[in-house]
PDB file of N, CA and C in Angstrom:
ATOM      1  N   GLN A   1       9.751  24.807  78.272  1.00  0.00           N
ATOM      2  CA  GLN A   1       8.924  23.718  77.751  1.00  0.00           C
ATOM      3  C   GLN A   1       9.695  22.983  76.658  1.00  0.00           C
ATOM      4  N   VAL A   2       9.955  21.718  76.892  1.00  0.00           N
ATOM      5  CA  VAL A   2      10.663  20.906  75.904  1.00  0.00           C
ATOM      6  C   VAL A   2       9.680  20.465  74.835  1.00  0.00           C
ATOM      7  N   LEU A   3      10.101  20.603  73.609  1.00  0.00           N
ATOM      8  CA  LEU A   3       9.271  20.177  72.489  1.00  0.00           C
ATOM      9  C   LEU A   3      10.117  19.357  71.531  1.00  0.00           C
ATOM     10  N   LEU A   4       9.624  18.169  71.204  1.00  0.00           N
ATOM     11  CA  LEU A   4      10.283  17.299  70.237  1.00  0.00           C
ATOM     12  C   LEU A   4       9.323  17.088  69.073  1.00  0.00           C
ATOM     13  N   VAL A   5       9.779  17.397  67.881  1.00  0.00           N
ATOM     14  CA  VAL A   5       8.918  17.284  66.713  1.00  0.00           C
ATOM     15  C   VAL A   5       9.584  16.389  65.682  1.00  0.00           C
ATOM     16  N   GLU A   6       8.939  15.251  65.405  1.00  0.00           N
ATOM     17  CA  GLU A   6       9.463  14.315  64.414  1.00  0.00           C
ATOM     18  C   GLU A   6       8.936  14.658  63.036  1.00  0.00           C
ATOM     19  N   SER A   7       9.721  14.295  62.038  1.00  0.00           N
ATOM     20  CA  SER A   7       9.291  14.429  60.650  1.00  0.00           C
ATOM     21  C   SER A   7      10.054  13.408  59.814  1.00  0.00           C
ATOM     22  N   GLY A   8       9.600  13.243  58.581  1.00  0.00           N
ATOM     23  CA  GLY A   8      10.300  12.370  57.653  1.00  0.00           C
ATOM     24  C   GLY A   8       9.691  10.998  57.465  1.00  0.00           C
ATOM     25  N   GLY A   9       8.649  10.688  58.210  1.00  0.00           N
ATOM     26  CA  GLY A   9       8.010   9.389  58.039  1.00  0.00           C
ATOM     27  C   GLY A   9       7.265   9.303  56.718  1.00  0.00           C
ATOM     28  N   GLY A  10       6.832   8.094  56.390  1.00  0.00           N
ATOM     29  CA  GLY A  10       6.086   7.894  55.156  1.00  0.00           C
ATOM     30  C   GLY A  10       6.158   6.457  54.709  1.00  0.00           C
ATOM     31  N   LEU A  11       5.889   6.270  53.435  1.00  0.00           N
ATOM     32  CA  LEU A  11       5.896   4.935  52.833  1.00  0.00           C
ATOM     33  C   LEU A  11       7.218   4.728  52.106  1.00  0.00           C
ATOM     34  N   VAL A  12       7.855   3.604  52.365  1.00  0.00           N
ATOM     35  CA  VAL A  12       9.123   3.283  51.717  1.00  0.00           C
ATOM     36  C   VAL A  12       9.108   1.814  51.339  1.00  0.00           C
ATOM     37  N   GLN A  13       9.761   1.486  50.245  1.00  0.00           N
ATOM     38  CA  GLN A  13       9.859   0.093  49.829  1.00  0.00           C
ATOM     39  C   GLN A  13      10.957  -0.615  50.615  1.00  0.00           C
ATOM     40  N   ALA A  14      10.758  -1.873  50.840  1.00  0.00           N
ATOM     41  CA  ALA A  14      11.787  -2.665  51.490  1.00  0.00           C
ATOM     42  C   ALA A  14      13.079  -2.560  50.686  1.00  0.00           C
ATOM     43  N   GLY A  15      14.182  -2.364  51.393  1.00  0.00           N
ATOM     44  CA  GLY A  15      15.461  -2.216  50.734  1.00  0.00           C
ATOM     45  C   GLY A  15      15.801  -0.788  50.359  1.00  0.00           C
ATOM     46  N   GLY A  16      14.859   0.117  50.536  1.00  0.00           N
ATOM     47  CA  GLY A  16      15.107   1.529  50.226  1.00  0.00           C
ATOM     48  C   GLY A  16      15.777   2.244  51.374  1.00  0.00           C
ATOM     49  N   SER A  17      15.473   3.529  51.530  1.00  0.00           N
ATOM     50  CA  SER A  17      16.020   4.281  52.648  1.00  0.00           C
ATOM     51  C   SER A  17      15.077   5.410  53.018  1.00  0.00           C
ATOM     52  N   LEU A  18      15.180   5.821  54.268  1.00  0.00           N
ATOM     53  CA  LEU A  18      14.333   6.892  54.791  1.00  0.00           C
ATOM     54  C   LEU A  18      15.082   7.540  55.941  1.00  0.00           C
ATOM     55  N   ARG A  19      14.951   8.863  56.076  1.00  0.00           N
ATOM     56  CA  ARG A  19      15.580   9.534  57.200  1.00  0.00           C
ATOM     57  C   ARG A  19      14.542  10.267  58.025  1.00  0.00           C
ATOM     58  N   LEU A  20      14.514   9.940  59.295  1.00  0.00           N
ATOM     59  CA  LEU A  20      13.638  10.630  60.233  1.00  0.00           C
ATOM     60  C   LEU A  20      14.415  11.735  60.937  1.00  0.00           C
ATOM     61  N   SER A  21      13.720  12.823  61.231  1.00  0.00           N
ATOM     62  CA  SER A  21      14.327  13.940  61.948  1.00  0.00           C
ATOM     63  C   SER A  21      13.545  14.218  63.218  1.00  0.00           C
ATOM     64  N   CYS A  22      14.255  14.708  64.220  1.00  0.00           N
ATOM     65  CA  CYS A  22      13.622  15.106  65.481  1.00  0.00           C
ATOM     66  C   CYS A  22      14.210  16.459  65.873  1.00  0.00           C
ATOM     67  N   ALA A  23      13.419  17.497  65.738  1.00  0.00           N
ATOM     68  CA  ALA A  23      13.847  18.834  66.116  1.00  0.00           C
ATOM     69  C   ALA A  23      13.522  19.065  67.589  1.00  0.00           C
ATOM     70  N   ALA A  24      14.537  19.406  68.359  1.00  0.00           N
ATOM     71  CA  ALA A  24      14.380  19.572  69.811  1.00  0.00           C
ATOM     72  C   ALA A  24      14.508  21.039  70.201  1.00  0.00           C
ATOM     73  N   THR A  25      13.554  21.537  70.937  1.00  0.00           N
ATOM     74  CA  THR A  25      13.598  22.925  71.407  1.00  0.00           C
ATOM     75  C   THR A  25      13.200  22.985  72.882  1.00  0.00           C
ATOM     76  N   GLY A  26      13.533  24.081  73.503  1.00  0.00           N
ATOM     77  CA  GLY A  26      13.076  24.314  74.875  1.00  0.00           C
ATOM     78  C   GLY A  26      14.169  24.388  75.916  1.00  0.00           C
ATOM     79  N   ARG A  27      15.306  23.807  75.643  1.00  0.00           N
ATOM     80  CA  ARG A  27      16.407  23.895  76.583  1.00  0.00           C
ATOM     81  C   ARG A  27      17.669  23.380  75.922  1.00  0.00           C
ATOM     82  N   ALA A  28      18.774  23.487  76.633  1.00  0.00           N
ATOM     83  CA  ALA A  28      20.023  22.947  76.126  1.00  0.00           C
ATOM     84  C   ALA A  28      20.039  21.440  76.331  1.00  0.00           C
ATOM     85  N   PHE A  29      20.346  20.705  75.276  1.00  0.00           N
ATOM     86  CA  PHE A  29      20.283  19.251  75.344  1.00  0.00           C
ATOM     87  C   PHE A  29      21.660  18.606  75.436  1.00  0.00           C
ATOM     88  N   SER A  30      22.685  19.389  75.696  1.00  0.00           N
ATOM     89  CA  SER A  30      24.046  18.868  75.650  1.00  0.00           C
ATOM     90  C   SER A  30      24.286  17.736  76.635  1.00  0.00           C
ATOM     91  N   SER A  31      23.543  17.677  77.720  1.00  0.00           N
ATOM     92  CA  SER A  31      23.738  16.611  78.703  1.00  0.00           C
ATOM     93  C   SER A  31      22.702  15.500  78.569  1.00  0.00           C
ATOM     94  N   TYR A  32      21.855  15.585  77.596  1.00  0.00           N
ATOM     95  CA  TYR A  32      20.765  14.628  77.446  1.00  0.00           C
ATOM     96  C   TYR A  32      21.184  13.399  76.649  1.00  0.00           C
ATOM     97  N   VAL A  33      20.397  12.351  76.809  1.00  0.00           N
ATOM     98  CA  VAL A  33      20.419  11.199  75.908  1.00  0.00           C
ATOM     99  C   VAL A  33      19.155  11.286  75.062  1.00  0.00           C
ATOM    100  N   MET A  34      19.313  11.177  73.764  1.00  0.00           N
ATOM    101  CA  MET A  34      18.186  11.213  72.844  1.00  0.00           C
ATOM    102  C   MET A  34      17.955   9.806  72.306  1.00  0.00           C
ATOM    103  N   GLY A  35      16.697   9.448  72.180  1.00  0.00           N
ATOM    104  CA  GLY A  35      16.396   8.103  71.726  1.00  0.00           C
ATOM    105  C   GLY A  35      15.313   8.072  70.668  1.00  0.00           C
ATOM    106  N   TRP A  36      15.322   7.016  69.897  1.00  0.00           N
ATOM    107  CA  TRP A  36      14.225   6.697  68.980  1.00  0.00           C
ATOM    108  C   TRP A  36      13.606   5.391  69.459  1.00  0.00           C
ATOM    109  N   PHE A  37      12.302   5.412  69.553  1.00  0.00           N
ATOM    110  CA  PHE A  37      11.529   4.224  69.896  1.00  0.00           C
ATOM    111  C   PHE A  37      10.497   4.004  68.790  1.00  0.00           C
ATOM    112  N   ARG A  38       9.892   2.819  68.778  1.00  0.00           N
ATOM    113  CA  ARG A  38       8.840   2.578  67.802  1.00  0.00           C
ATOM    114  C   ARG A  38       7.776   1.672  68.406  1.00  0.00           C
ATOM    115  N   GLN A  39       6.587   1.796  67.842  1.00  0.00           N
ATOM    116  CA  GLN A  39       5.483   0.970  68.296  1.00  0.00           C
ATOM    117  C   GLN A  39       4.672   0.501  67.097  1.00  0.00           C
ATOM    118  N   ALA A  40       4.646  -0.804  66.909  1.00  0.00           N
ATOM    119  CA  ALA A  40       3.852  -1.410  65.843  1.00  0.00           C
ATOM    120  C   ALA A  40       2.459  -1.726  66.383  1.00  0.00           C
ATOM    121  N   PRO A  41       1.474  -1.865  65.502  1.00  0.00           N
ATOM    122  CA  PRO A  41       0.106  -2.157  65.959  1.00  0.00           C
ATOM    123  C   PRO A  41       0.054  -3.408  66.826  1.00  0.00           C
ATOM    124  N   GLY A  42      -0.578  -3.292  67.989  1.00  0.00           N
ATOM    125  CA  GLY A  42      -0.727  -4.429  68.872  1.00  0.00           C
ATOM    126  C   GLY A  42       0.522  -4.805  69.650  1.00  0.00           C
ATOM    127  N   MET A  43       1.583  -4.001  69.506  1.00  0.00           N
ATOM    128  CA  MET A  43       2.844  -4.315  70.165  1.00  0.00           C
ATOM    129  C   MET A  43       3.191  -3.223  71.165  1.00  0.00           C
ATOM    130  N   GLU A  44       4.091  -3.540  72.085  1.00  0.00           N
ATOM    131  CA  GLU A  44       4.585  -2.536  73.011  1.00  0.00           C
ATOM    132  C   GLU A  44       5.623  -1.658  72.314  1.00  0.00           C
ATOM    133  N   ARG A  45       5.788  -0.470  72.854  1.00  0.00           N
ATOM    134  CA  ARG A  45       6.803   0.430  72.319  1.00  0.00           C
ATOM    135  C   ARG A  45       8.180  -0.142  72.651  1.00  0.00           C
ATOM    136  N   GLU A  46       9.096  -0.069  71.682  1.00  0.00           N
ATOM    137  CA  GLU A  46      10.413  -0.657  71.885  1.00  0.00           C
ATOM    138  C   GLU A  46      11.521   0.305  71.473  1.00  0.00           C
ATOM    139  N   PHE A  47      12.653   0.139  72.121  1.00  0.00           N
ATOM    140  CA  PHE A  47      13.833   0.942  71.828  1.00  0.00           C
ATOM    141  C   PHE A  47      14.377   0.605  70.449  1.00  0.00           C
ATOM    142  N   VAL A  48      14.805   1.632  69.713  1.00  0.00           N
ATOM    143  CA  VAL A  48      15.419   1.449  68.406  1.00  0.00           C
ATOM    144  C   VAL A  48      16.884   1.888  68.442  1.00  0.00           C
ATOM    145  N   ALA A  49      17.117   3.137  68.876  1.00  0.00           N
ATOM    146  CA  ALA A  49      18.476   3.676  68.884  1.00  0.00           C
ATOM    147  C   ALA A  49      18.547   4.830  69.876  1.00  0.00           C
ATOM    148  N   GLY A  50      19.766   5.067  70.374  1.00  0.00           N
ATOM    149  CA  GLY A  50      19.975   6.176  71.302  1.00  0.00           C
ATOM    150  C   GLY A  50      21.334   6.807  71.076  1.00  0.00           C
ATOM    151  N   ILE A  51      21.464   8.067  71.481  1.00  0.00           N
ATOM    152  CA  ILE A  51      22.726   8.772  71.330  1.00  0.00           C
ATOM    153  C   ILE A  51      22.909   9.733  72.497  1.00  0.00           C
ATOM    154  N   LYS A  52      24.121   9.754  73.046  1.00  0.00           N
ATOM    155  CA  LYS A  52      24.456  10.739  74.069  1.00  0.00           C
ATOM    156  C   LYS A  52      24.830  12.022  73.348  1.00  0.00           C
ATOM    157  N   TRP A  53      24.096  13.093  73.648  1.00  0.00           N
ATOM    158  CA  TRP A  53      24.316  14.306  72.901  1.00  0.00           C
ATOM    159  C   TRP A  53      25.744  14.817  73.073  1.00  0.00           C
ATOM    160  N   SER A  54      26.286  14.725  74.269  1.00  0.00           N
ATOM    161  CA  SER A  54      27.606  15.311  74.524  1.00  0.00           C
ATOM    162  C   SER A  54      28.724  14.541  73.834  1.00  0.00           C
ATOM    163  N   SER A  55      28.711  13.228  73.940  1.00  0.00           N
ATOM    164  CA  SER A  55      29.831  12.436  73.426  1.00  0.00           C
ATOM    165  C   SER A  55      29.577  11.860  72.043  1.00  0.00           C
ATOM    166  N   GLY A  56      28.296  11.760  71.669  1.00  0.00           N
ATOM    167  CA  GLY A  56      27.974  11.127  70.400  1.00  0.00           C
ATOM    168  C   GLY A  56      27.960   9.609  70.460  1.00  0.00           C
ATOM    169  N   SER A  57      28.119   9.036  71.651  1.00  0.00           N
ATOM    170  CA  SER A  57      28.070   7.584  71.779  1.00  0.00           C
ATOM    171  C   SER A  57      26.697   7.080  71.333  1.00  0.00           C
ATOM    172  N   ARG A  58      26.698   5.968  70.614  1.00  0.00           N
ATOM    173  CA  ARG A  58      25.472   5.478  70.002  1.00  0.00           C
ATOM    174  C   ARG A  58      25.134   4.076  70.491  1.00  0.00           C
ATOM    175  N   TYR A  59      23.841   3.786  70.522  1.00  0.00           N
ATOM    176  CA  TYR A  59      23.344   2.509  71.021  1.00  0.00           C
ATOM    177  C   TYR A  59      22.211   2.066  70.107  1.00  0.00           C
ATOM    178  N   TYR A  60      22.160   0.759  69.826  1.00  0.00           N
ATOM    179  CA  TYR A  60      21.167   0.243  68.894  1.00  0.00           C
ATOM    180  C   TYR A  60      20.519  -1.034  69.406  1.00  0.00           C
ATOM    181  N   ALA A  61      19.272  -1.212  69.028  1.00  0.00           N
ATOM    182  CA  ALA A  61      18.633  -2.507  69.217  1.00  0.00           C
ATOM    183  C   ALA A  61      19.247  -3.484  68.223  1.00  0.00           C
ATOM    184  N   ASP A  62      19.329  -4.736  68.611  1.00  0.00           N
ATOM    185  CA  ASP A  62      19.925  -5.742  67.731  1.00  0.00           C
ATOM    186  C   ASP A  62      19.192  -5.830  66.400  1.00  0.00           C
ATOM    187  N   SER A  63      17.902  -5.579  66.420  1.00  0.00           N
ATOM    188  CA  SER A  63      17.092  -5.738  65.211  1.00  0.00           C
ATOM    189  C   SER A  63      17.413  -4.711  64.126  1.00  0.00           C
ATOM    190  N   VAL A  64      18.053  -3.605  64.506  1.00  0.00           N
ATOM    191  CA  VAL A  64      18.338  -2.562  63.516  1.00  0.00           C
ATOM    192  C   VAL A  64      19.828  -2.324  63.335  1.00  0.00           C
ATOM    193  N   LYS A  65      20.642  -2.978  64.146  1.00  0.00           N
ATOM    194  CA  LYS A  65      22.083  -2.769  64.082  1.00  0.00           C
ATOM    195  C   LYS A  65      22.598  -3.087  62.684  1.00  0.00           C
ATOM    196  N   GLY A  66      23.409  -2.178  62.141  1.00  0.00           N
ATOM    197  CA  GLY A  66      23.946  -2.371  60.804  1.00  0.00           C
ATOM    198  C   GLY A  66      23.069  -1.826  59.701  1.00  0.00           C
ATOM    199  N   ARG A  67      21.824  -1.489  60.016  1.00  0.00           N
ATOM    200  CA  ARG A  67      20.901  -0.939  59.011  1.00  0.00           C
ATOM    201  C   ARG A  67      20.505   0.499  59.323  1.00  0.00           C
ATOM    202  N   PHE A  68      20.322   0.805  60.585  1.00  0.00           N
ATOM    203  CA  PHE A  68      19.910   2.149  60.997  1.00  0.00           C
ATOM    204  C   PHE A  68      21.085   2.877  61.635  1.00  0.00           C
ATOM    205  N   THR A  69      21.111   4.192  61.466  1.00  0.00           N
ATOM    206  CA  THR A  69      22.154   5.019  62.074  1.00  0.00           C
ATOM    207  C   THR A  69      21.526   6.229  62.741  1.00  0.00           C
ATOM    208  N   ILE A  70      21.861   6.445  64.000  1.00  0.00           N
ATOM    209  CA  ILE A  70      21.399   7.634  64.717  1.00  0.00           C
ATOM    210  C   ILE A  70      22.531   8.654  64.734  1.00  0.00           C
ATOM    211  N   SER A  71      22.162   9.920  64.570  1.00  0.00           N
ATOM    212  CA  SER A  71      23.163  10.985  64.580  1.00  0.00           C
ATOM    213  C   SER A  71      22.511  12.258  65.102  1.00  0.00           C
ATOM    214  N   ARG A  72      23.358  13.262  65.379  1.00  0.00           N
ATOM    215  CA  ARG A  72      22.808  14.536  65.831  1.00  0.00           C
ATOM    216  C   ARG A  72      23.561  15.682  65.187  1.00  0.00           C
ATOM    217  N   ASP A  73      22.846  16.793  65.032  1.00  0.00           N
ATOM    218  CA  ASP A  73      23.422  18.018  64.502  1.00  0.00           C
ATOM    219  C   ASP A  73      23.304  19.061  65.599  1.00  0.00           C
ATOM    220  N   ASN A  74      24.435  19.400  66.203  1.00  0.00           N
ATOM    221  CA  ASN A  74      24.407  20.330  67.332  1.00  0.00           C
ATOM    222  C   ASN A  74      23.876  21.705  66.934  1.00  0.00           C
ATOM    223  N   ALA A  75      24.270  22.168  65.776  1.00  0.00           N
ATOM    224  CA  ALA A  75      23.868  23.511  65.348  1.00  0.00           C
ATOM    225  C   ALA A  75      22.362  23.607  65.138  1.00  0.00           C
ATOM    226  N   LYS A  76      21.755  22.517  64.697  1.00  0.00           N
ATOM    227  CA  LYS A  76      20.318  22.531  64.408  1.00  0.00           C
ATOM    228  C   LYS A  76      19.498  21.946  65.557  1.00  0.00           C
ATOM    229  N   ASN A  77      20.168  21.462  66.600  1.00  0.00           N
ATOM    230  CA  ASN A  77      19.467  20.813  67.707  1.00  0.00           C
ATOM    231  C   ASN A  77      18.519  19.726  67.202  1.00  0.00           C
ATOM    232  N   THR A  78      19.036  18.931  66.304  1.00  0.00           N
ATOM    233  CA  THR A  78      18.215  17.921  65.638  1.00  0.00           C
ATOM    234  C   THR A  78      18.898  16.562  65.700  1.00  0.00           C
ATOM    235  N   VAL A  79      18.095  15.549  65.927  1.00  0.00           N
ATOM    236  CA  VAL A  79      18.565  14.170  65.936  1.00  0.00           C
ATOM    237  C   VAL A  79      17.952  13.458  64.734  1.00  0.00           C
ATOM    238  N   TYR A  80      18.721  12.594  64.113  1.00  0.00           N
ATOM    239  CA  TYR A  80      18.270  11.899  62.914  1.00  0.00           C
ATOM    240  C   TYR A  80      18.298  10.383  63.125  1.00  0.00           C
ATOM    241  N   LEU A  81      17.457   9.718  62.376  1.00  0.00           N
ATOM    242  CA  LEU A  81      17.524   8.263  62.293  1.00  0.00           C
ATOM    243  C   LEU A  81      17.522   7.906  60.820  1.00  0.00           C
ATOM    244  N   GLN A  82      18.675   7.510  60.322  1.00  0.00           N
ATOM    245  CA  GLN A  82      18.807   7.066  58.938  1.00  0.00           C
ATOM    246  C   GLN A  82      18.452   5.591  58.882  1.00  0.00           C
ATOM    247  N   MET A  83      17.425   5.283  58.107  1.00  0.00           N
ATOM    248  CA  MET A  83      16.947   3.912  57.990  1.00  0.00           C
ATOM    249  C   MET A  83      17.325   3.381  56.616  1.00  0.00           C
ATOM    250  N   ASN A  84      18.295   2.488  56.572  1.00  0.00           N
ATOM    251  CA  ASN A  84      18.697   1.853  55.320  1.00  0.00           C
ATOM    252  C   ASN A  84      18.217   0.406  55.299  1.00  0.00           C
ATOM    253  N   SER A  85      17.906  -0.071  54.137  1.00  0.00           N
ATOM    254  CA  SER A  85      17.421  -1.439  53.969  1.00  0.00           C
ATOM    255  C   SER A  85      16.292  -1.773  54.949  1.00  0.00           C
ATOM    256  N   PRO A  86      15.282  -0.941  55.032  1.00  0.00           N
ATOM    257  CA  PRO A  86      14.194  -1.262  55.950  1.00  0.00           C
ATOM    258  C   PRO A  86      13.441  -2.505  55.489  1.00  0.00           C
ATOM    259  N   LYS A  87      12.809  -3.153  56.457  1.00  0.00           N
ATOM    260  CA  LYS A  87      12.040  -4.356  56.203  1.00  0.00           C
ATOM    261  C   LYS A  87      10.586  -4.101  56.587  1.00  0.00           C
ATOM    262  N   PRO A  88       9.661  -4.884  56.081  1.00  0.00           N
ATOM    263  CA  PRO A  88       8.257  -4.711  56.499  1.00  0.00           C
ATOM    264  C   PRO A  88       8.081  -4.763  58.012  1.00  0.00           C
ATOM    265  N   ASP A  89       8.905  -5.532  58.709  1.00  0.00           N
ATOM    266  CA  ASP A  89       8.825  -5.598  60.177  1.00  0.00           C
ATOM    267  C   ASP A  89       9.196  -4.286  60.855  1.00  0.00           C
ATOM    268  N   ASP A  90       9.796  -3.366  60.115  1.00  0.00           N
ATOM    269  CA  ASP A  90      10.132  -2.059  60.684  1.00  0.00           C
ATOM    270  C   ASP A  90       8.945  -1.101  60.660  1.00  0.00           C
ATOM    271  N   THR A  91       7.843  -1.515  60.074  1.00  0.00           N
ATOM    272  CA  THR A  91       6.649  -0.679  60.032  1.00  0.00           C
ATOM    273  C   THR A  91       6.152  -0.396  61.444  1.00  0.00           C
ATOM    274  N   ALA A  92       6.015   0.896  61.764  1.00  0.00           N
ATOM    275  CA  ALA A  92       5.616   1.292  63.116  1.00  0.00           C
ATOM    276  C   ALA A  92       5.480   2.805  63.172  1.00  0.00           C
ATOM    277  N   VAL A  93       4.958   3.285  64.277  1.00  0.00           N
ATOM    278  CA  VAL A  93       5.049   4.711  64.581  1.00  0.00           C
ATOM    279  C   VAL A  93       6.368   4.911  65.319  1.00  0.00           C
ATOM    280  N   TYR A  94       7.168   5.836  64.837  1.00  0.00           N
ATOM    281  CA  TYR A  94       8.476   6.100  65.419  1.00  0.00           C
ATOM    282  C   TYR A  94       8.408   7.364  66.279  1.00  0.00           C
ATOM    283  N   TYR A  95       8.937   7.252  67.494  1.00  0.00           N
ATOM    284  CA  TYR A  95       8.907   8.352  68.449  1.00  0.00           C
ATOM    285  C   TYR A  95      10.323   8.786  68.813  1.00  0.00           C
ATOM    286  N   CYS A  96      10.494  10.084  68.908  1.00  0.00           N
ATOM    287  CA  CYS A  96      11.719  10.660  69.432  1.00  0.00           C
ATOM    288  C   CYS A  96      11.523  10.906  70.920  1.00  0.00           C
ATOM    289  N   ALA A  97      12.577  10.722  71.709  1.00  0.00           N
ATOM    290  CA  ALA A  97      12.474  10.914  73.151  1.00  0.00           C
ATOM    291  C   ALA A  97      13.767  11.506  73.694  1.00  0.00           C
ATOM    292  N   ALA A  98      13.656  12.172  74.834  1.00  0.00           N
ATOM    293  CA  ALA A  98      14.815  12.804  75.472  1.00  0.00           C
ATOM    294  C   ALA A  98      14.847  12.450  76.948  1.00  0.00           C
ATOM    295  N   ALA A  99      16.024  12.077  77.412  1.00  0.00           N
ATOM    296  CA  ALA A  99      16.213  11.735  78.816  1.00  0.00           C
ATOM    297  C   ALA A  99      17.200  12.711  79.440  1.00  0.00           C
ATOM    298  N   ALA A 100      16.774  13.370  80.516  1.00  0.00           N
ATOM    299  CA  ALA A 100      17.631  14.361  81.156  1.00  0.00           C
ATOM    300  C   ALA A 100      18.766  13.712  81.948  1.00  0.00           C
ATOM    301  N   GLU A 101      18.494  12.551  82.500  1.00  0.00           N
ATOM    302  CA  GLU A 101      19.509  11.901  83.322  1.00  0.00           C
ATOM    303  C   GLU A 101      19.420  10.397  83.132  1.00  0.00           C
ATOM    304  N   ILE A 102      20.528   9.809  82.771  1.00  0.00           N
ATOM    305  CA  ILE A 102      20.613   8.357  82.665  1.00  0.00           C
ATOM    306  C   ILE A 102      21.605   7.894  83.725  1.00  0.00           C
ATOM    307  N   ARG A 103      21.104   7.175  84.709  1.00  0.00           N
ATOM    308  CA  ARG A 103      21.975   6.743  85.804  1.00  0.00           C
ATOM    309  C   ARG A 103      22.715   5.465  85.478  1.00  0.00           C
ATOM    310  N   TYR A 104      22.039   4.561  84.820  1.00  0.00           N
ATOM    311  CA  TYR A 104      22.629   3.265  84.539  1.00  0.00           C
ATOM    312  C   TYR A 104      22.621   3.015  83.044  1.00  0.00           C
ATOM    313  N   TYR A 105      23.616   2.291  82.586  1.00  0.00           N
ATOM    314  CA  TYR A 105      23.771   1.994  81.163  1.00  0.00           C
ATOM    315  C   TYR A 105      22.496   1.372  80.598  1.00  0.00           C
ATOM    316  N   SER A 106      21.901   0.470  81.327  1.00  0.00           N
ATOM    317  CA  SER A 106      20.721  -0.236  80.835  1.00  0.00           C
ATOM    318  C   SER A 106      19.528   0.698  80.649  1.00  0.00           C
ATOM    319  N   ASP A 107      19.546   1.829  81.343  1.00  0.00           N
ATOM    320  CA  ASP A 107      18.434   2.772  81.230  1.00  0.00           C
ATOM    321  C   ASP A 107      18.330   3.391  79.845  1.00  0.00           C
ATOM    322  N   ILE A 108      19.424   3.418  79.116  1.00  0.00           N
ATOM    323  CA  ILE A 108      19.402   3.985  77.767  1.00  0.00           C
ATOM    324  C   ILE A 108      18.364   3.268  76.906  1.00  0.00           C
ATOM    325  N   TYR A 109      18.151   2.003  77.183  1.00  0.00           N
ATOM    326  CA  TYR A 109      17.252   1.167  76.387  1.00  0.00           C
ATOM    327  C   TYR A 109      15.830   1.136  76.956  1.00  0.00           C
ATOM    328  N   ALA A 110      15.619   1.840  78.067  1.00  0.00           N
ATOM    329  CA  ALA A 110      14.349   1.734  78.793  1.00  0.00           C
ATOM    330  C   ALA A 110      13.443   2.925  78.543  1.00  0.00           C
ATOM    331  N   GLU A 111      12.243   2.654  78.100  1.00  0.00           N
ATOM    332  CA  GLU A 111      11.260   3.706  77.830  1.00  0.00           C
ATOM    333  C   GLU A 111      11.041   4.584  79.065  1.00  0.00           C
ATOM    334  N   ALA A 112      11.006   3.979  80.236  1.00  0.00           N
ATOM    335  CA  ALA A 112      10.692   4.715  81.460  1.00  0.00           C
ATOM    336  C   ALA A 112      11.742   5.758  81.818  1.00  0.00           C
ATOM    337  N   ALA A 113      12.937   5.647  81.270  1.00  0.00           N
ATOM    338  CA  ALA A 113      14.009   6.588  81.600  1.00  0.00           C
ATOM    339  C   ALA A 113      13.888   7.908  80.860  1.00  0.00           C
ATOM    340  N   TYR A 114      13.034   7.973  79.865  1.00  0.00           N
ATOM    341  CA  TYR A 114      12.919   9.161  79.023  1.00  0.00           C
ATOM    342  C   TYR A 114      11.810  10.084  79.520  1.00  0.00           C
ATOM    343  N   ASP A 115      12.142  11.368  79.579  1.00  0.00           N
ATOM    344  CA  ASP A 115      11.242  12.345  80.182  1.00  0.00           C
ATOM    345  C   ASP A 115      10.318  13.037  79.185  1.00  0.00           C
ATOM    346  N   TYR A 116      10.776  13.167  77.958  1.00  0.00           N
ATOM    347  CA  TYR A 116      10.017  13.929  76.965  1.00  0.00           C
ATOM    348  C   TYR A 116       9.865  13.099  75.697  1.00  0.00           C
ATOM    349  N   TRP A 117       8.706  13.269  75.053  1.00  0.00           N
ATOM    350  CA  TRP A 117       8.381  12.475  73.875  1.00  0.00           C
ATOM    351  C   TRP A 117       7.784  13.342  72.784  1.00  0.00           C
ATOM    352  N   GLY A 118       8.088  12.983  71.550  1.00  0.00           N
ATOM    353  CA  GLY A 118       7.430  13.621  70.424  1.00  0.00           C
ATOM    354  C   GLY A 118       6.097  12.963  70.148  1.00  0.00           C
ATOM    355  N   GLN A 119       5.425  13.453  69.132  1.00  0.00           N
ATOM    356  CA  GLN A 119       4.089  12.958  68.822  1.00  0.00           C
ATOM    357  C   GLN A 119       4.106  11.701  67.960  1.00  0.00           C
ATOM    358  N   GLY A 120       5.238  11.406  67.378  1.00  0.00           N
ATOM    359  CA  GLY A 120       5.377  10.206  66.571  1.00  0.00           C
ATOM    360  C   GLY A 120       5.191  10.466  65.086  1.00  0.00           C
ATOM    361  N   THR A 121       5.840   9.648  64.282  1.00  0.00           N
ATOM    362  CA  THR A 121       5.694   9.719  62.827  1.00  0.00           C
ATOM    363  C   THR A 121       5.582   8.298  62.283  1.00  0.00           C
ATOM    364  N   GLN A 122       4.642   8.104  61.384  1.00  0.00           N
ATOM    365  CA  GLN A 122       4.369   6.764  60.860  1.00  0.00           C
ATOM    366  C   GLN A 122       5.378   6.397  59.780  1.00  0.00           C
ATOM    367  N   VAL A 123       5.923   5.205  59.898  1.00  0.00           N
ATOM    368  CA  VAL A 123       6.779   4.638  58.854  1.00  0.00           C
ATOM    369  C   VAL A 123       6.145   3.323  58.404  1.00  0.00           C
ATOM    370  N   THR A 124       5.903   3.214  57.109  1.00  0.00           N
ATOM    371  CA  THR A 124       5.333   1.999  56.546  1.00  0.00           C
ATOM    372  C   THR A 124       6.285   1.467  55.490  1.00  0.00           C
ATOM    373  N   VAL A 125       6.712   0.221  55.663  1.00  0.00           N
ATOM    374  CA  VAL A 125       7.639  -0.403  54.732  1.00  0.00           C
ATOM    375  C   VAL A 125       6.874  -1.450  53.929  1.00  0.00           C
ATOM    376  N   SER A 126       6.834  -1.254  52.627  1.00  0.00           N
ATOM    377  CA  SER A 126       6.112  -2.184  51.773  1.00  0.00           C
ATOM    378  C   SER A 126       7.068  -3.242  51.233  1.00  0.00           C
ATOM    379  N   SER A 127       6.538  -4.432  51.024  1.00  0.00           N
ATOM    380  CA  SER A 127       7.379  -5.534  50.542  1.00  0.00           C
ATOM    381  C   SER A 127       7.400  -5.589  49.027  1.00  0.00           C
TER     382      SER A 127
END
């Protein structure tokens, strides 16, 4: 049973920093792609960042490029999202996700490609 548990959400001021964590258990994730998605009120869930566990290759949405960093700790089986200089528009529920198989490059950015999801953690950025 795959379990993804997010933590680290909360209230942060614009221009500050926040780090989200996603602890993954249940199987070996070395061949997986891990992703962070977010959903703001009244909006669809959208891709934020992704990382290939094996190679460490990273992928970002244009809206967060240069401000957010995704990383992983193999020993802890944990994926992180470092949020620097957040903006009020970054306010959303953030979800961790895991994809067992990514066939096409574009799938990394697609919600439907991910098989497992965490429960989400709220991030609120105040102006």
